[in-house]
Amino acid sequence: MRQGLIERLVPPLIDLHAARWTARDRYELRSDARRFVNWESNVAGKLGIGVAVDYVLALGLDAIRARITKQAAQLRSRLCEIPGLCVHDLGRVKGGIVTFTVEALAAEDVAQALKSRSINVVTSSVFSTLYNMEARGLSKMVRASVHYLTTDEEIDLLVLPVADMQA
């Protein structure tokens, strides 16, 4: 943090790391950027992220990316087979997020119908990507995500009910 800003900003919370207790009714904030560091920390979270990084490195980033790319391509392909469904993903290189709309159905209704079957998707509205969606005439889309753990059977669990919505 730039030294000139430190004195002008108030920490969101003050604890024994950010300040020194000088009397029953007074404290003195640290004069350096450590005034914004909390004494308490999420040790389990820090250990967990370390284990996760080790796990990812053992699997290999290239293998993970290849699997996600394959599963997302399979999901896109299967969804594109459904009449009245439009996949909206752009770009030469596509990631694991697959966006789509179902003709004559609101994105929220599709998401809710899938949620009732314990299938997790979300909706993305024009307010999260105003220029892009306005230019394409979109207001809301369904967003499904695959991971390297996503199985072919799980892709079926998403695609089949969406196809039934159009039947």
Protein backbone atom coordinates (compact mmCIF):
# COMPACT_ATOMS: atom_id res chain seq x y z
CA MET A 1 0.00 0.00 0.00
CA ARG A 2 1.23 3.43 -0.85
CA GLN A 3 2.49 5.10 2.35
CA GLY A 4 0.52 8.31 1.72
CA LEU A 5 -2.78 6.40 1.76
CA ILE A 6 -2.24 4.36 4.91
CA GLU A 7 -3.09 7.15 7.34
CA ARG A 8 -6.20 8.16 5.33
CA LEU A 9 -7.84 4.73 5.35
CA VAL A 10 -9.55 3.06 8.28
CA PRO A 11 -9.32 -0.74 8.55
CA PRO A 12 -12.65 -2.57 8.26
CA LEU A 13 -11.95 -4.19 11.63
CA ILE A 14 -9.35 -3.58 14.25
CA ASP A 15 -7.78 -6.31 16.33
CA LEU A 16 -4.55 -6.96 18.22
CA HIS A 17 -2.60 -7.20 14.99
CA ALA A 18 -3.88 -3.95 13.50
CA ALA A 19 -3.57 -1.83 16.63
CA ARG A 20 -1.97 -1.63 20.07
CA TRP A 21 -4.23 -1.22 23.07
CA THR A 22 -2.88 1.79 24.94
CA ALA A 23 -5.57 2.28 27.62
CA ARG A 24 -9.02 0.94 28.53
CA ASP A 25 -10.64 3.37 26.11
CA ARG A 26 -7.88 3.97 23.57
CA TYR A 27 -5.83 2.19 20.96
CA GLU A 28 -3.15 3.15 18.47
CA LEU A 29 -3.33 1.88 14.89
CA ARG A 30 -0.18 0.54 13.31
CA SER A 31 1.46 3.02 11.00
CA ASP A 32 2.17 0.49 8.24
CA ALA A 33 -0.01 -1.60 5.93
CA ARG A 34 -0.22 -4.37 8.52
CA ARG A 35 -3.01 -2.31 10.09
CA PHE A 36 -5.23 -3.97 7.46
CA VAL A 37 -4.18 -7.54 8.30
CA ASN A 38 -6.36 -9.51 10.69
CA TRP A 39 -4.82 -11.47 13.54
CA GLU A 40 -7.25 -14.32 13.05
CA SER A 41 -6.89 -16.31 9.89
CA ASN A 42 -8.52 -19.27 8.22
CA VAL A 43 -5.83 -21.86 8.86
CA ALA A 44 -7.95 -24.72 7.52
CA GLY A 45 -8.54 -22.75 4.32
CA LYS A 46 -4.83 -22.10 3.90
CA LEU A 47 -4.01 -25.76 4.44
CA GLY A 48 -6.82 -26.77 2.08
CA ILE A 49 -5.60 -24.54 -0.73
CA GLY A 50 -2.12 -26.02 -0.32
CA VAL A 51 -3.48 -29.56 -0.59
CA ALA A 52 -5.58 -28.54 -3.61
CA VAL A 53 -2.53 -27.07 -5.37
CA ASP A 54 -0.55 -30.26 -4.70
CA TYR A 55 -3.43 -32.33 -6.06
CA VAL A 56 -3.72 -30.24 -9.25
CA LEU A 57 0.02 -30.35 -9.84
CA ALA A 58 0.02 -34.14 -9.41
CA LEU A 59 -2.77 -34.52 -11.99
CA GLY A 60 -1.19 -32.00 -14.33
CA LEU A 61 -2.71 -28.78 -15.58
CA ASP A 62 -2.59 -29.92 -19.21
CA ALA A 63 -4.52 -33.11 -18.41
CA ILE A 64 -7.12 -31.16 -16.44
CA ARG A 65 -7.54 -28.60 -19.22
CA ALA A 66 -7.84 -31.34 -21.85
CA ARG A 67 -10.52 -33.16 -19.85
CA ILE A 68 -12.54 -29.99 -19.20
CA THR A 69 -12.29 -29.02 -22.88
CA LYS A 70 -13.47 -32.50 -23.95
CA GLN A 71 -16.41 -32.61 -21.55
CA ALA A 72 -17.51 -29.06 -22.38
CA ALA A 73 -17.34 -29.83 -26.11
CA GLN A 74 -19.44 -32.93 -25.54
CA LEU A 75 -22.02 -30.92 -23.57
CA ARG A 76 -22.16 -28.24 -26.28
CA SER A 77 -22.54 -30.85 -29.00
CA ARG A 78 -25.32 -32.68 -27.16
CA LEU A 79 -27.18 -29.45 -26.40
CA CYS A 80 -26.92 -28.32 -30.03
CA GLU A 81 -28.83 -31.46 -31.04
CA ILE A 82 -31.92 -30.24 -29.14
CA PRO A 83 -34.38 -28.37 -31.39
CA GLY A 84 -35.08 -24.86 -30.14
CA LEU A 85 -31.96 -24.71 -28.00
CA CYS A 86 -29.14 -22.31 -28.80
CA VAL A 87 -25.64 -22.54 -27.35
CA HIS A 88 -24.16 -19.04 -27.08
CA ASP A 89 -20.46 -19.68 -26.43
CA LEU A 90 -18.08 -17.63 -28.54
CA GLY A 91 -14.38 -17.75 -29.25
CA ARG A 92 -11.85 -20.03 -30.82
CA VAL A 93 -10.86 -21.49 -27.44
CA LYS A 94 -13.77 -22.36 -25.18
CA GLY A 95 -13.66 -23.14 -21.49
CA GLY A 96 -15.72 -25.28 -19.17
CA ILE A 97 -18.66 -22.87 -18.93
CA VAL A 98 -21.44 -23.60 -21.41
CA THR A 99 -24.17 -20.98 -21.95
CA PHE A 100 -27.47 -21.61 -23.66
CA THR A 101 -31.07 -20.55 -24.05
CA VAL A 102 -34.15 -22.66 -24.66
CA GLU A 103 -36.71 -21.26 -27.10
CA ALA A 104 -39.94 -20.07 -25.46
CA LEU A 105 -38.61 -20.75 -21.94
CA ALA A 106 -37.15 -18.19 -19.57
CA ALA A 107 -33.64 -18.98 -18.37
CA GLU A 108 -34.88 -18.90 -14.75
CA ASP A 109 -37.53 -21.50 -15.56
CA VAL A 110 -34.94 -23.80 -17.13
CA ALA A 111 -32.63 -23.36 -14.14
CA GLN A 112 -35.48 -23.99 -11.68
CA ALA A 113 -36.62 -27.12 -13.52
CA LEU A 114 -33.08 -28.46 -13.43
CA LYS A 115 -32.68 -27.50 -9.77
CA SER A 116 -35.80 -29.55 -8.95
CA ARG A 117 -33.81 -32.53 -10.30
CA SER A 118 -30.72 -31.59 -8.22
CA ILE A 119 -28.87 -30.31 -11.29
CA ASN A 120 -26.92 -27.16 -10.52
CA VAL A 121 -26.87 -24.43 -13.13
CA VAL A 122 -27.11 -20.66 -12.81
CA THR A 123 -28.39 -17.87 -14.99
CA SER A 124 -26.33 -15.02 -16.34
CA SER A 125 -28.05 -11.76 -17.19
CA VAL A 126 -27.32 -8.79 -19.40
CA PHE A 127 -26.23 -6.94 -16.26
CA SER A 128 -23.13 -9.12 -15.91
CA THR A 129 -21.96 -8.59 -19.48
CA LEU A 130 -23.91 -5.63 -20.81
CA TYR A 131 -22.07 -4.86 -24.06
CA ASN A 132 -21.76 -8.46 -25.17
CA MET A 133 -25.31 -9.55 -24.49
CA GLU A 134 -26.89 -6.35 -25.82
CA ALA A 135 -24.93 -6.73 -29.06
CA ARG A 136 -26.24 -10.30 -29.41
CA GLY A 137 -29.82 -9.47 -28.41
CA LEU A 138 -29.68 -11.59 -25.27
CA SER A 139 -31.07 -10.77 -21.85
CA LYS A 140 -30.47 -13.96 -19.85
CA MET A 141 -28.81 -17.32 -20.43
CA VAL A 142 -28.42 -20.58 -18.55
CA ARG A 143 -24.83 -21.33 -17.49
CA ALA A 144 -23.69 -24.89 -16.94
CA SER A 145 -20.14 -25.74 -15.92
CA VAL A 146 -18.19 -28.93 -16.39
CA HIS A 147 -15.10 -29.96 -14.49
CA TYR A 148 -12.50 -32.62 -15.10
CA LEU A 149 -14.54 -34.83 -12.76
CA THR A 150 -17.73 -34.46 -14.83
CA THR A 151 -18.77 -37.82 -16.24
CA ASP A 152 -20.59 -38.61 -19.47
CA GLU A 153 -23.50 -39.80 -17.34
CA GLU A 154 -23.66 -36.41 -15.60
CA ILE A 155 -23.80 -34.70 -18.98
CA ASP A 156 -26.77 -36.96 -19.80
CA LEU A 157 -28.40 -35.92 -16.51
CA LEU A 158 -28.35 -32.31 -17.74
CA VAL A 159 -29.12 -32.84 -21.43
CA LEU A 160 -32.06 -35.25 -21.14
CA PRO A 161 -34.32 -33.04 -18.98
CA VAL A 162 -33.51 -30.00 -21.13
CA ALA A 163 -34.50 -32.00 -24.22
CA ASP A 164 -37.73 -33.00 -22.47
CA MET A 165 -38.53 -29.32 -21.89
CA GLN A 166 -38.62 -28.84 -25.66
CA ALA A 167 -40.72 -31.94 -26.35
